[in-house]
Amino acid sequence: MSKTITIWGNPNSGKTSFSVKLAKELSKDKNVILVFTDIFTPPLDLVLPFENNYDKSLGKILEIPILTQEDILKELIISKKNNNLAYLGFKQGENYTSYAKYNTDRANDLMLTS
């Protein structure tokens, strides 16, 4: 059974650090996808500093008209140290104008399909 854990808080409150530590711990027993939704300061380059040559982005997924699980799997960045842990988020330099606009329904599709 899939579960979703959502973390939010004030800027610089430790959300990213906590999320990464929690995901690493949970991925010892099961597959975990860590989704970063911040488009203003995307943390992927901070979390994966040596893997920044990827061409994958949450934005690509959110603009797909009919989302499939295969579409999501293609955009995941699998951890080099842990095959049970994958990352998904916006790339550095992307912003709200980089992709087509999406709405709450598209975000819900992402969560239900993954």
PDB file of N, CA and C in Angstrom:
ATOM      1  N   MET A   1       0.833  -1.173   0.000  1.00  0.00           N
ATOM      2  CA  MET A   1       0.000   0.000   0.000  1.00  0.00           C
ATOM      3  C   MET A   1       0.886   1.247   0.000  1.00  0.00           C
ATOM      4  N   SER A   2       0.574   2.202  -0.854  1.00  0.00           N
ATOM      5  CA  SER A   2       1.334   3.445  -0.949  1.00  0.00           C
ATOM      6  C   SER A   2       0.895   4.419   0.127  1.00  0.00           C
ATOM      7  N   LYS A   3       1.844   5.186   0.598  1.00  0.00           N
ATOM      8  CA  LYS A   3       1.555   6.234   1.579  1.00  0.00           C
ATOM      9  C   LYS A   3       2.249   7.503   1.133  1.00  0.00           C
ATOM     10  N   THR A   4       1.675   8.630   1.487  1.00  0.00           N
ATOM     11  CA  THR A   4       2.255   9.933   1.189  1.00  0.00           C
ATOM     12  C   THR A   4       2.507  10.662   2.495  1.00  0.00           C
ATOM     13  N   ILE A   5       3.708  11.190   2.628  1.00  0.00           N
ATOM     14  CA  ILE A   5       4.048  12.030   3.773  1.00  0.00           C
ATOM     15  C   ILE A   5       4.356  13.412   3.217  1.00  0.00           C
ATOM     16  N   THR A   6       3.685  14.425   3.719  1.00  0.00           N
ATOM     17  CA  THR A   6       3.882  15.792   3.264  1.00  0.00           C
ATOM     18  C   THR A   6       4.554  16.594   4.382  1.00  0.00           C
ATOM     19  N   ILE A   7       5.562  17.358   3.998  1.00  0.00           N
ATOM     20  CA  ILE A   7       6.281  18.176   4.973  1.00  0.00           C
ATOM     21  C   ILE A   7       6.255  19.623   4.493  1.00  0.00           C
ATOM     22  N   TRP A   8       5.865  20.516   5.353  1.00  0.00           N
ATOM     23  CA  TRP A   8       5.882  21.931   5.004  1.00  0.00           C
ATOM     24  C   TRP A   8       6.306  22.731   6.224  1.00  0.00           C
ATOM     25  N   GLY A   9       6.716  23.969   5.982  1.00  0.00           N
ATOM     26  CA  GLY A   9       7.140  24.832   7.075  1.00  0.00           C
ATOM     27  C   GLY A   9       7.733  26.116   6.539  1.00  0.00           C
ATOM     28  N   ASN A  10       8.215  26.925   7.433  1.00  0.00           N
ATOM     29  CA  ASN A  10       8.811  28.210   7.079  1.00  0.00           C
ATOM     30  C   ASN A  10      10.123  28.018   6.325  1.00  0.00           C
ATOM     31  N   PRO A  11      10.543  29.042   5.566  1.00  0.00           N
ATOM     32  CA  PRO A  11      11.854  28.956   4.908  1.00  0.00           C
ATOM     33  C   PRO A  11      12.955  28.732   5.947  1.00  0.00           C
ATOM     34  N   ASN A  12      13.934  27.938   5.550  1.00  0.00           N
ATOM     35  CA  ASN A  12      15.095  27.630   6.402  1.00  0.00           C
ATOM     36  C   ASN A  12      14.731  26.935   7.710  1.00  0.00           C
ATOM     37  N   SER A  13      13.622  26.186   7.714  1.00  0.00           N
ATOM     38  CA  SER A  13      13.221  25.476   8.936  1.00  0.00           C
ATOM     39  C   SER A  13      13.720  24.030   8.955  1.00  0.00           C
ATOM     40  N   GLY A  14      14.398  23.598   7.889  1.00  0.00           N
ATOM     41  CA  GLY A  14      14.957  22.246   7.861  1.00  0.00           C
ATOM     42  C   GLY A  14      14.108  21.218   7.139  1.00  0.00           C
ATOM     43  N   LYS A  15      13.154  21.660   6.338  1.00  0.00           N
ATOM     44  CA  LYS A  15      12.269  20.734   5.620  1.00  0.00           C
ATOM     45  C   LYS A  15      13.042  19.799   4.704  1.00  0.00           C
ATOM     46  N   THR A  16      13.952  20.341   3.913  1.00  0.00           N
ATOM     47  CA  THR A  16      14.708  19.528   2.961  1.00  0.00           C
ATOM     48  C   THR A  16      15.603  18.537   3.698  1.00  0.00           C
ATOM     49  N   SER A  17      16.326  18.995   4.683  1.00  0.00           N
ATOM     50  CA  SER A  17      17.218  18.104   5.444  1.00  0.00           C
ATOM     51  C   SER A  17      16.428  16.979   6.102  1.00  0.00           C
ATOM     52  N   PHE A  18      15.326  17.332   6.743  1.00  0.00           N
ATOM     53  CA  PHE A  18      14.501  16.324   7.393  1.00  0.00           C
ATOM     54  C   PHE A  18      13.935  15.339   6.371  1.00  0.00           C
ATOM     55  N   SER A  19      13.448  15.855   5.241  1.00  0.00           N
ATOM     56  CA  SER A  19      12.853  15.000   4.208  1.00  0.00           C
ATOM     57  C   SER A  19      13.858  13.982   3.680  1.00  0.00           C
ATOM     58  N   VAL A  20      15.076  14.434   3.426  1.00  0.00           N
ATOM     59  CA  VAL A  20      16.109  13.538   2.905  1.00  0.00           C
ATOM     60  C   VAL A  20      16.451  12.466   3.939  1.00  0.00           C
ATOM     61  N   LYS A  21      16.610  12.861   5.194  1.00  0.00           N
ATOM     62  CA  LYS A  21      16.928  11.887   6.244  1.00  0.00           C
ATOM     63  C   LYS A  21      15.791  10.883   6.428  1.00  0.00           C
ATOM     64  N   LEU A  22      14.562  11.355   6.412  1.00  0.00           N
ATOM     65  CA  LEU A  22      13.408  10.470   6.551  1.00  0.00           C
ATOM     66  C   LEU A  22      13.325   9.506   5.371  1.00  0.00           C
ATOM     67  N   ALA A  23      13.510  10.022   4.166  1.00  0.00           N
ATOM     68  CA  ALA A  23      13.442   9.169   2.968  1.00  0.00           C
ATOM     69  C   ALA A  23      14.528   8.101   2.996  1.00  0.00           C
ATOM     70  N   LYS A  24      15.728   8.468   3.406  1.00  0.00           N
ATOM     71  CA  LYS A  24      16.819   7.488   3.481  1.00  0.00           C
ATOM     72  C   LYS A  24      16.488   6.394   4.492  1.00  0.00           C
ATOM     73  N   GLU A  25      15.928   6.769   5.611  1.00  0.00           N
ATOM     74  CA  GLU A  25      15.567   5.785   6.639  1.00  0.00           C
ATOM     75  C   GLU A  25      14.446   4.868   6.133  1.00  0.00           C
ATOM     76  N   LEU A  26      13.410   5.449   5.556  1.00  0.00           N
ATOM     77  CA  LEU A  26      12.290   4.650   5.052  1.00  0.00           C
ATOM     78  C   LEU A  26      12.704   3.736   3.904  1.00  0.00           C
ATOM     79  N   SER A  27      13.684   4.164   3.119  1.00  0.00           N
ATOM     80  CA  SER A  27      14.098   3.380   1.950  1.00  0.00           C
ATOM     81  C   SER A  27      14.917   2.146   2.324  1.00  0.00           C
ATOM     82  N   LYS A  28      15.204   1.962   3.595  1.00  0.00           N
ATOM     83  CA  LYS A  28      15.885   0.737   4.026  1.00  0.00           C
ATOM     84  C   LYS A  28      14.971  -0.477   3.863  1.00  0.00           C
ATOM     85  N   ASP A  29      13.647  -0.248   3.963  1.00  0.00           N
ATOM     86  CA  ASP A  29      12.676  -1.342   3.908  1.00  0.00           C
ATOM     87  C   ASP A  29      11.765  -1.323   2.683  1.00  0.00           C
ATOM     88  N   LYS A  30      11.693  -0.195   1.990  1.00  0.00           N
ATOM     89  CA  LYS A  30      10.737  -0.088   0.878  1.00  0.00           C
ATOM     90  C   LYS A  30      11.205   0.961  -0.118  1.00  0.00           C
ATOM     91  N   ASN A  31      10.553   0.993  -1.263  1.00  0.00           N
ATOM     92  CA  ASN A  31      10.859   2.004  -2.273  1.00  0.00           C
ATOM     93  C   ASN A  31      10.267   3.345  -1.859  1.00  0.00           C
ATOM     94  N   VAL A  32      11.074   4.407  -2.045  1.00  0.00           N
ATOM     95  CA  VAL A  32      10.660   5.749  -1.646  1.00  0.00           C
ATOM     96  C   VAL A  32      10.953   6.715  -2.786  1.00  0.00           C
ATOM     97  N   ILE A  33       9.987   7.578  -3.079  1.00  0.00           N
ATOM     98  CA  ILE A  33      10.194   8.666  -4.030  1.00  0.00           C
ATOM     99  C   ILE A  33      10.097   9.963  -3.244  1.00  0.00           C
ATOM    100  N   LEU A  34      11.155  10.734  -3.273  1.00  0.00           N
ATOM    101  CA  LEU A  34      11.194  12.019  -2.582  1.00  0.00           C
ATOM    102  C   LEU A  34      10.918  13.104  -3.624  1.00  0.00           C
ATOM    103  N   VAL A  35       9.794  13.801  -3.488  1.00  0.00           N
ATOM    104  CA  VAL A  35       9.363  14.805  -4.457  1.00  0.00           C
ATOM    105  C   VAL A  35       9.566  16.195  -3.862  1.00  0.00           C
ATOM    106  N   PHE A  36      10.363  17.007  -4.555  1.00  0.00           N
ATOM    107  CA  PHE A  36      10.580  18.398  -4.170  1.00  0.00           C
ATOM    108  C   PHE A  36       9.758  19.278  -5.090  1.00  0.00           C
ATOM    109  N   THR A  37       8.856  20.056  -4.527  1.00  0.00           N
ATOM    110  CA  THR A  37       7.941  20.858  -5.351  1.00  0.00           C
ATOM    111  C   THR A  37       8.294  22.336  -5.407  1.00  0.00           C
ATOM    112  N   ASP A  38       9.377  22.732  -4.762  1.00  0.00           N
ATOM    113  CA  ASP A  38       9.759  24.144  -4.732  1.00  0.00           C
ATOM    114  C   ASP A  38      10.329  24.566  -6.078  1.00  0.00           C
ATOM    115  N   ILE A  39       9.608  25.421  -6.791  1.00  0.00           N
ATOM    116  CA  ILE A  39      10.066  25.876  -8.104  1.00  0.00           C
ATOM    117  C   ILE A  39      10.887  27.163  -7.991  1.00  0.00           C
ATOM    118  N   PHE A  40      10.838  27.836  -6.849  1.00  0.00           N
ATOM    119  CA  PHE A  40      11.578  29.089  -6.687  1.00  0.00           C
ATOM    120  C   PHE A  40      13.029  28.840  -6.281  1.00  0.00           C
ATOM    121  N   THR A  41      13.269  27.857  -5.436  1.00  0.00           N
ATOM    122  CA  THR A  41      14.638  27.473  -5.049  1.00  0.00           C
ATOM    123  C   THR A  41      14.726  25.945  -5.075  1.00  0.00           C
ATOM    124  N   PRO A  42      14.792  25.360  -6.273  1.00  0.00           N
ATOM    125  CA  PRO A  42      14.815  23.898  -6.386  1.00  0.00           C
ATOM    126  C   PRO A  42      16.009  23.297  -5.639  1.00  0.00           C
ATOM    127  N   PRO A  43      15.760  22.345  -4.730  1.00  0.00           N
ATOM    128  CA  PRO A  43      16.843  21.810  -3.916  1.00  0.00           C
ATOM    129  C   PRO A  43      17.585  20.613  -4.516  1.00  0.00           C
ATOM    130  N   LEU A  44      17.230  20.149  -5.717  1.00  0.00           N
ATOM    131  CA  LEU A  44      17.878  18.951  -6.256  1.00  0.00           C
ATOM    132  C   LEU A  44      19.387  19.089  -6.366  1.00  0.00           C
ATOM    133  N   ASP A  45      19.881  20.233  -6.818  1.00  0.00           N
ATOM    134  CA  ASP A  45      21.333  20.408  -6.934  1.00  0.00           C
ATOM    135  C   ASP A  45      22.011  20.409  -5.573  1.00  0.00           C
ATOM    136  N   LEU A  46      21.290  20.822  -4.556  1.00  0.00           N
ATOM    137  CA  LEU A  46      21.825  20.793  -3.197  1.00  0.00           C
ATOM    138  C   LEU A  46      21.842  19.361  -2.657  1.00  0.00           C
ATOM    139  N   VAL A  47      20.777  18.628  -2.908  1.00  0.00           N
ATOM    140  CA  VAL A  47      20.652  17.258  -2.413  1.00  0.00           C
ATOM    141  C   VAL A  47      21.514  16.294  -3.222  1.00  0.00           C
ATOM    142  N   LEU A  48      21.615  16.528  -4.516  1.00  0.00           N
ATOM    143  CA  LEU A  48      22.386  15.662  -5.419  1.00  0.00           C
ATOM    144  C   LEU A  48      23.473  16.475  -6.119  1.00  0.00           C
ATOM    145  N   PRO A  49      24.460  16.985  -5.395  1.00  0.00           N
ATOM    146  CA  PRO A  49      25.426  17.914  -5.990  1.00  0.00           C
ATOM    147  C   PRO A  49      26.293  17.311  -7.095  1.00  0.00           C
ATOM    148  N   PHE A  50      26.489  16.017  -7.090  1.00  0.00           N
ATOM    149  CA  PHE A  50      27.360  15.397  -8.082  1.00  0.00           C
ATOM    150  C   PHE A  50      26.585  14.731  -9.204  1.00  0.00           C
ATOM    151  N   GLU A  51      25.281  14.921  -9.216  1.00  0.00           N
ATOM    152  CA  GLU A  51      24.434  14.315 -10.241  1.00  0.00           C
ATOM    153  C   GLU A  51      23.658  15.378 -10.999  1.00  0.00           C
ATOM    154  N   ASN A  52      24.207  16.592 -11.101  1.00  0.00           N
ATOM    155  CA  ASN A  52      23.448  17.703 -11.672  1.00  0.00           C
ATOM    156  C   ASN A  52      23.430  17.734 -13.197  1.00  0.00           C
ATOM    157  N   ASN A  53      23.907  16.682 -13.842  1.00  0.00           N
ATOM    158  CA  ASN A  53      23.845  16.653 -15.306  1.00  0.00           C
ATOM    159  C   ASN A  53      22.622  15.884 -15.793  1.00  0.00           C
ATOM    160  N   TYR A  54      21.631  15.755 -14.969  1.00  0.00           N
ATOM    161  CA  TYR A  54      20.410  15.053 -15.347  1.00  0.00           C
ATOM    162  C   TYR A  54      19.524  15.955 -16.205  1.00  0.00           C
ATOM    163  N   ASP A  55      18.692  15.330 -17.002  1.00  0.00           N
ATOM    164  CA  ASP A  55      17.744  16.073 -17.836  1.00  0.00           C
ATOM    165  C   ASP A  55      16.323  15.673 -17.451  1.00  0.00           C
ATOM    166  N   LYS A  56      16.083  15.519 -16.186  1.00  0.00           N
ATOM    167  CA  LYS A  56      14.785  15.070 -15.695  1.00  0.00           C
ATOM    168  C   LYS A  56      14.190  16.168 -14.831  1.00  0.00           C
ATOM    169  N   SER A  57      12.858  16.259 -14.871  1.00  0.00           N
ATOM    170  CA  SER A  57      12.229  17.342 -14.124  1.00  0.00           C
ATOM    171  C   SER A  57      10.777  17.024 -13.802  1.00  0.00           C
ATOM    172  N   LEU A  58      10.347  17.469 -12.643  1.00  0.00           N
ATOM    173  CA  LEU A  58       8.947  17.383 -12.252  1.00  0.00           C
ATOM    174  C   LEU A  58       8.081  18.167 -13.236  1.00  0.00           C
ATOM    175  N   GLY A  59       8.606  19.246 -13.765  1.00  0.00           N
ATOM    176  CA  GLY A  59       7.850  20.060 -14.721  1.00  0.00           C
ATOM    177  C   GLY A  59       7.439  19.288 -15.954  1.00  0.00           C
ATOM    178  N   LYS A  60       8.309  18.405 -16.448  1.00  0.00           N
ATOM    179  CA  LYS A  60       7.973  17.581 -17.617  1.00  0.00           C
ATOM    180  C   LYS A  60       6.763  16.702 -17.331  1.00  0.00           C
ATOM    181  N   ILE A  61       6.707  16.163 -16.123  1.00  0.00           N
ATOM    182  CA  ILE A  61       5.598  15.284 -15.758  1.00  0.00           C
ATOM    183  C   ILE A  61       4.287  16.064 -15.674  1.00  0.00           C
ATOM    184  N   LEU A  62       4.342  17.225 -15.064  1.00  0.00           N
ATOM    185  CA  LEU A  62       3.121  17.990 -14.826  1.00  0.00           C
ATOM    186  C   LEU A  62       2.485  18.532 -16.100  1.00  0.00           C
ATOM    187  N   GLU A  63       3.227  18.573 -17.200  1.00  0.00           N
ATOM    188  CA  GLU A  63       2.612  19.063 -18.443  1.00  0.00           C
ATOM    189  C   GLU A  63       2.150  17.936 -19.371  1.00  0.00           C
ATOM    190  N   ILE A  64       2.303  16.681 -18.973  1.00  0.00           N
ATOM    191  CA  ILE A  64       1.830  15.553 -19.778  1.00  0.00           C
ATOM    192  C   ILE A  64       0.301  15.483 -19.669  1.00  0.00           C
ATOM    193  N   PRO A  65      -0.407  15.441 -20.809  1.00  0.00           N
ATOM    194  CA  PRO A  65      -1.880  15.466 -20.770  1.00  0.00           C
ATOM    195  C   PRO A  65      -2.503  14.278 -20.030  1.00  0.00           C
ATOM    196  N   ILE A  66      -2.048  13.075 -20.331  1.00  0.00           N
ATOM    197  CA  ILE A  66      -2.557  11.882 -19.655  1.00  0.00           C
ATOM    198  C   ILE A  66      -1.357  11.198 -19.015  1.00  0.00           C
ATOM    199  N   LEU A  67      -1.285  11.292 -17.719  1.00  0.00           N
ATOM    200  CA  LEU A  67      -0.116  10.850 -16.972  1.00  0.00           C
ATOM    201  C   LEU A  67      -0.179   9.352 -16.692  1.00  0.00           C
ATOM    202  N   THR A  68       0.928   8.658 -16.943  1.00  0.00           N
ATOM    203  CA  THR A  68       1.014   7.235 -16.627  1.00  0.00           C
ATOM    204  C   THR A  68       2.152   7.012 -15.637  1.00  0.00           C
ATOM    205  N   GLN A  69       2.133   5.858 -15.023  1.00  0.00           N
ATOM    206  CA  GLN A  69       3.204   5.517 -14.093  1.00  0.00           C
ATOM    207  C   GLN A  69       4.539   5.439 -14.831  1.00  0.00           C
ATOM    208  N   GLU A  70       4.520   4.988 -16.058  1.00  0.00           N
ATOM    209  CA  GLU A  70       5.740   4.921 -16.871  1.00  0.00           C
ATOM    210  C   GLU A  70       6.336   6.315 -17.084  1.00  0.00           C
ATOM    211  N   ASP A  71       5.492   7.313 -17.306  1.00  0.00           N
ATOM    212  CA  ASP A  71       5.967   8.695 -17.461  1.00  0.00           C
ATOM    213  C   ASP A  71       6.709   9.157 -16.207  1.00  0.00           C
ATOM    214  N   ILE A  72       6.156   8.829 -15.060  1.00  0.00           N
ATOM    215  CA  ILE A  72       6.785   9.222 -13.793  1.00  0.00           C
ATOM    216  C   ILE A  72       8.116   8.498 -13.623  1.00  0.00           C
ATOM    217  N   LEU A  73       8.136   7.204 -13.876  1.00  0.00           N
ATOM    218  CA  LEU A  73       9.363   6.419 -13.701  1.00  0.00           C
ATOM    219  C   LEU A  73      10.498   6.922 -14.589  1.00  0.00           C
ATOM    220  N   LYS A  74      10.173   7.416 -15.783  1.00  0.00           N
ATOM    221  CA  LYS A  74      11.207   7.935 -16.692  1.00  0.00           C
ATOM    222  C   LYS A  74      11.886   9.185 -16.144  1.00  0.00           C
ATOM    223  N   GLU A  75      11.196   9.952 -15.321  1.00  0.00           N
ATOM    224  CA  GLU A  75      11.728  11.215 -14.816  1.00  0.00           C
ATOM    225  C   GLU A  75      12.390  11.095 -13.439  1.00  0.00           C
ATOM    226  N   LEU A  76      12.338   9.924 -12.841  1.00  0.00           N
ATOM    227  CA  LEU A  76      12.950   9.745 -11.523  1.00  0.00           C
ATOM    228  C   LEU A  76      14.468   9.735 -11.614  1.00  0.00           C
ATOM    229  N   ILE A  77      15.104  10.298 -10.626  1.00  0.00           N
ATOM    230  CA  ILE A  77      16.566  10.233 -10.493  1.00  0.00           C
ATOM    231  C   ILE A  77      16.831   9.226  -9.379  1.00  0.00           C
ATOM    232  N   ILE A  78      17.328   8.047  -9.742  1.00  0.00           N
ATOM    233  CA  ILE A  78      17.584   6.986  -8.779  1.00  0.00           C
ATOM    234  C   ILE A  78      18.887   7.288  -8.047  1.00  0.00           C
ATOM    235  N   SER A  79      18.860   7.138  -6.737  1.00  0.00           N
ATOM    236  CA  SER A  79      20.054   7.354  -5.929  1.00  0.00           C
ATOM    237  C   SER A  79      21.137   6.364  -6.339  1.00  0.00           C
ATOM    238  N   LYS A  80      22.363   6.852  -6.484  1.00  0.00           N
ATOM    239  CA  LYS A  80      23.482   5.981  -6.836  1.00  0.00           C
ATOM    240  C   LYS A  80      23.883   5.086  -5.677  1.00  0.00           C
ATOM    241  N   LYS A  81      23.547   5.487  -4.457  1.00  0.00           N
ATOM    242  CA  LYS A  81      23.932   4.722  -3.276  1.00  0.00           C
ATOM    243  C   LYS A  81      22.823   3.810  -2.768  1.00  0.00           C
ATOM    244  N   ASN A  82      21.582   4.022  -3.242  1.00  0.00           N
ATOM    245  CA  ASN A  82      20.449   3.285  -2.699  1.00  0.00           C
ATOM    246  C   ASN A  82      19.392   3.128  -3.786  1.00  0.00           C
ATOM    247  N   ASN A  83      19.242   1.939  -4.342  1.00  0.00           N
ATOM    248  CA  ASN A  83      18.284   1.708  -5.424  1.00  0.00           C
ATOM    249  C   ASN A  83      16.828   1.828  -4.985  1.00  0.00           C
ATOM    250  N   ASN A  84      16.577   1.861  -3.688  1.00  0.00           N
ATOM    251  CA  ASN A  84      15.205   2.009  -3.191  1.00  0.00           C
ATOM    252  C   ASN A  84      14.783   3.463  -3.054  1.00  0.00           C
ATOM    253  N   LEU A  85      15.685   4.380  -3.351  1.00  0.00           N
ATOM    254  CA  LEU A  85      15.399   5.803  -3.164  1.00  0.00           C
ATOM    255  C   LEU A  85      15.518   6.546  -4.490  1.00  0.00           C
ATOM    256  N   ALA A  86      14.468   7.294  -4.823  1.00  0.00           N
ATOM    257  CA  ALA A  86      14.469   8.087  -6.048  1.00  0.00           C
ATOM    258  C   ALA A  86      14.032   9.512  -5.728  1.00  0.00           C
ATOM    259  N   TYR A  87      14.508  10.440  -6.554  1.00  0.00           N
ATOM    260  CA  TYR A  87      14.222  11.861  -6.362  1.00  0.00           C
ATOM    261  C   TYR A  87      13.474  12.406  -7.577  1.00  0.00           C
ATOM    262  N   LEU A  88      12.628  13.382  -7.321  1.00  0.00           N
ATOM    263  CA  LEU A  88      11.889  14.049  -8.381  1.00  0.00           C
ATOM    264  C   LEU A  88      11.710  15.499  -7.967  1.00  0.00           C
ATOM    265  N   GLY A  89      12.011  16.415  -8.875  1.00  0.00           N
ATOM    266  CA  GLY A  89      11.853  17.833  -8.561  1.00  0.00           C
ATOM    267  C   GLY A  89      12.182  18.683  -9.770  1.00  0.00           C
ATOM    268  N   PHE A  90      12.120  19.976  -9.568  1.00  0.00           N
ATOM    269  CA  PHE A  90      12.469  20.911 -10.622  1.00  0.00           C
ATOM    270  C   PHE A  90      13.981  21.073 -10.673  1.00  0.00           C
ATOM    271  N   LYS A  91      14.509  21.335 -11.865  1.00  0.00           N
ATOM    272  CA  LYS A  91      15.942  21.554 -12.043  1.00  0.00           C
ATOM    273  C   LYS A  91      16.288  22.999 -11.712  1.00  0.00           C
ATOM    274  N   GLN A  92      17.552  23.205 -11.377  1.00  0.00           N
ATOM    275  CA  GLN A  92      18.050  24.563 -11.150  1.00  0.00           C
ATOM    276  C   GLN A  92      17.866  25.372 -12.431  1.00  0.00           C
ATOM    277  N   GLY A  93      17.402  26.578 -12.317  1.00  0.00           N
ATOM    278  CA  GLY A  93      17.204  27.439 -13.485  1.00  0.00           C
ATOM    279  C   GLY A  93      15.794  27.392 -14.042  1.00  0.00           C
ATOM    280  N   GLU A  94      15.021  26.375 -13.661  1.00  0.00           N
ATOM    281  CA  GLU A  94      13.629  26.338 -14.101  1.00  0.00           C
ATOM    282  C   GLU A  94      12.821  27.277 -13.216  1.00  0.00           C
ATOM    283  N   ASN A  95      11.723  27.741 -13.760  1.00  0.00           N
ATOM    284  CA  ASN A  95      10.821  28.567 -12.964  1.00  0.00           C
ATOM    285  C   ASN A  95       9.398  28.333 -13.438  1.00  0.00           C
ATOM    286  N   TYR A  96       8.466  29.083 -12.909  1.00  0.00           N
ATOM    287  CA  TYR A  96       7.058  28.831 -13.222  1.00  0.00           C
ATOM    288  C   TYR A  96       6.713  29.066 -14.688  1.00  0.00           C
ATOM    289  N   THR A  97       7.606  29.680 -15.469  1.00  0.00           N
ATOM    290  CA  THR A  97       7.331  29.871 -16.899  1.00  0.00           C
ATOM    291  C   THR A  97       8.011  28.818 -17.773  1.00  0.00           C
ATOM    292  N   SER A  98       8.758  27.902 -17.182  1.00  0.00           N
ATOM    293  CA  SER A  98       9.493  26.896 -17.958  1.00  0.00           C
ATOM    294  C   SER A  98       8.577  25.850 -18.593  1.00  0.00           C
ATOM    295  N   TYR A  99       7.448  25.602 -17.998  1.00  0.00           N
ATOM    296  CA  TYR A  99       6.538  24.560 -18.467  1.00  0.00           C
ATOM    297  C   TYR A  99       5.126  25.111 -18.563  1.00  0.00           C
ATOM    298  N   ALA A 100       4.270  24.339 -19.211  1.00  0.00           N
ATOM    299  CA  ALA A 100       2.869  24.731 -19.309  1.00  0.00           C
ATOM    300  C   ALA A 100       2.262  24.812 -17.914  1.00  0.00           C
ATOM    301  N   LYS A 101       1.270  25.660 -17.761  1.00  0.00           N
ATOM    302  CA  LYS A 101       0.611  25.781 -16.459  1.00  0.00           C
ATOM    303  C   LYS A 101      -0.118  24.482 -16.132  1.00  0.00           C
ATOM    304  N   TYR A 102      -0.127  24.154 -14.850  1.00  0.00           N
ATOM    305  CA  TYR A 102      -0.857  22.983 -14.395  1.00  0.00           C
ATOM    306  C   TYR A 102      -1.759  23.391 -13.243  1.00  0.00           C
ATOM    307  N   ASN A 103      -2.718  22.536 -12.948  1.00  0.00           N
ATOM    308  CA  ASN A 103      -3.667  22.867 -11.893  1.00  0.00           C
ATOM    309  C   ASN A 103      -3.657  21.777 -10.819  1.00  0.00           C
ATOM    310  N   THR A 104      -4.540  21.915  -9.866  1.00  0.00           N
ATOM    311  CA  THR A 104      -4.617  20.965  -8.758  1.00  0.00           C
ATOM    312  C   THR A 104      -4.917  19.556  -9.258  1.00  0.00           C
ATOM    313  N   ASP A 105      -5.749  19.434 -10.284  1.00  0.00           N
ATOM    314  CA  ASP A 105      -6.068  18.110 -10.824  1.00  0.00           C
ATOM    315  C   ASP A 105      -4.807  17.400 -11.322  1.00  0.00           C
ATOM    316  N   ARG A 106      -3.913  18.128 -11.982  1.00  0.00           N
ATOM    317  CA  ARG A 106      -2.671  17.529 -12.514  1.00  0.00           C
ATOM    318  C   ARG A 106      -1.799  17.087 -11.350  1.00  0.00           C
ATOM    319  N   ALA A 107      -1.682  17.875 -10.313  1.00  0.00           N
ATOM    320  CA  ALA A 107      -0.896  17.492  -9.137  1.00  0.00           C
ATOM    321  C   ALA A 107      -1.501  16.269  -8.458  1.00  0.00           C
ATOM    322  N   ASN A 108      -2.811  16.218  -8.384  1.00  0.00           N
ATOM    323  CA  ASN A 108      -3.467  15.035  -7.814  1.00  0.00           C
ATOM    324  C   ASN A 108      -3.211  13.803  -8.658  1.00  0.00           C
ATOM    325  N   ASP A 109      -3.234  13.954  -9.985  1.00  0.00           N
ATOM    326  CA  ASP A 109      -2.926  12.831 -10.880  1.00  0.00           C
ATOM    327  C   ASP A 109      -1.540  12.283 -10.591  1.00  0.00           C
ATOM    328  N   LEU A 110      -0.576  13.188 -10.377  1.00  0.00           N
ATOM    329  CA  LEU A 110       0.792  12.767 -10.069  1.00  0.00           C
ATOM    330  C   LEU A 110       0.811  11.907  -8.822  1.00  0.00           C
ATOM    331  N   MET A 111       0.135  12.341  -7.781  1.00  0.00           N
ATOM    332  CA  MET A 111       0.144  11.600  -6.520  1.00  0.00           C
ATOM    333  C   MET A 111      -0.598  10.273  -6.634  1.00  0.00           C
ATOM    334  N   LEU A 112      -1.685  10.240  -7.371  1.00  0.00           N
ATOM    335  CA  LEU A 112      -2.463   9.009  -7.497  1.00  0.00           C
ATOM    336  C   LEU A 112      -1.814   7.994  -8.421  1.00  0.00           C
ATOM    337  N   THR A 113      -1.055   8.467  -9.405  1.00  0.00           N
ATOM    338  CA  THR A 113      -0.439   7.577 -10.385  1.00  0.00           C
ATOM    339  C   THR A 113       0.863   6.987  -9.875  1.00  0.00           C
ATOM    340  N   SER A 114       1.562   7.690  -8.998  1.00  0.00           N
ATOM    341  CA  SER A 114       2.880   7.201  -8.554  1.00  0.00           C
ATOM    342  C   SER A 114       2.798   6.117  -7.526  1.00  0.00           C
TER     343      SER A 114
END
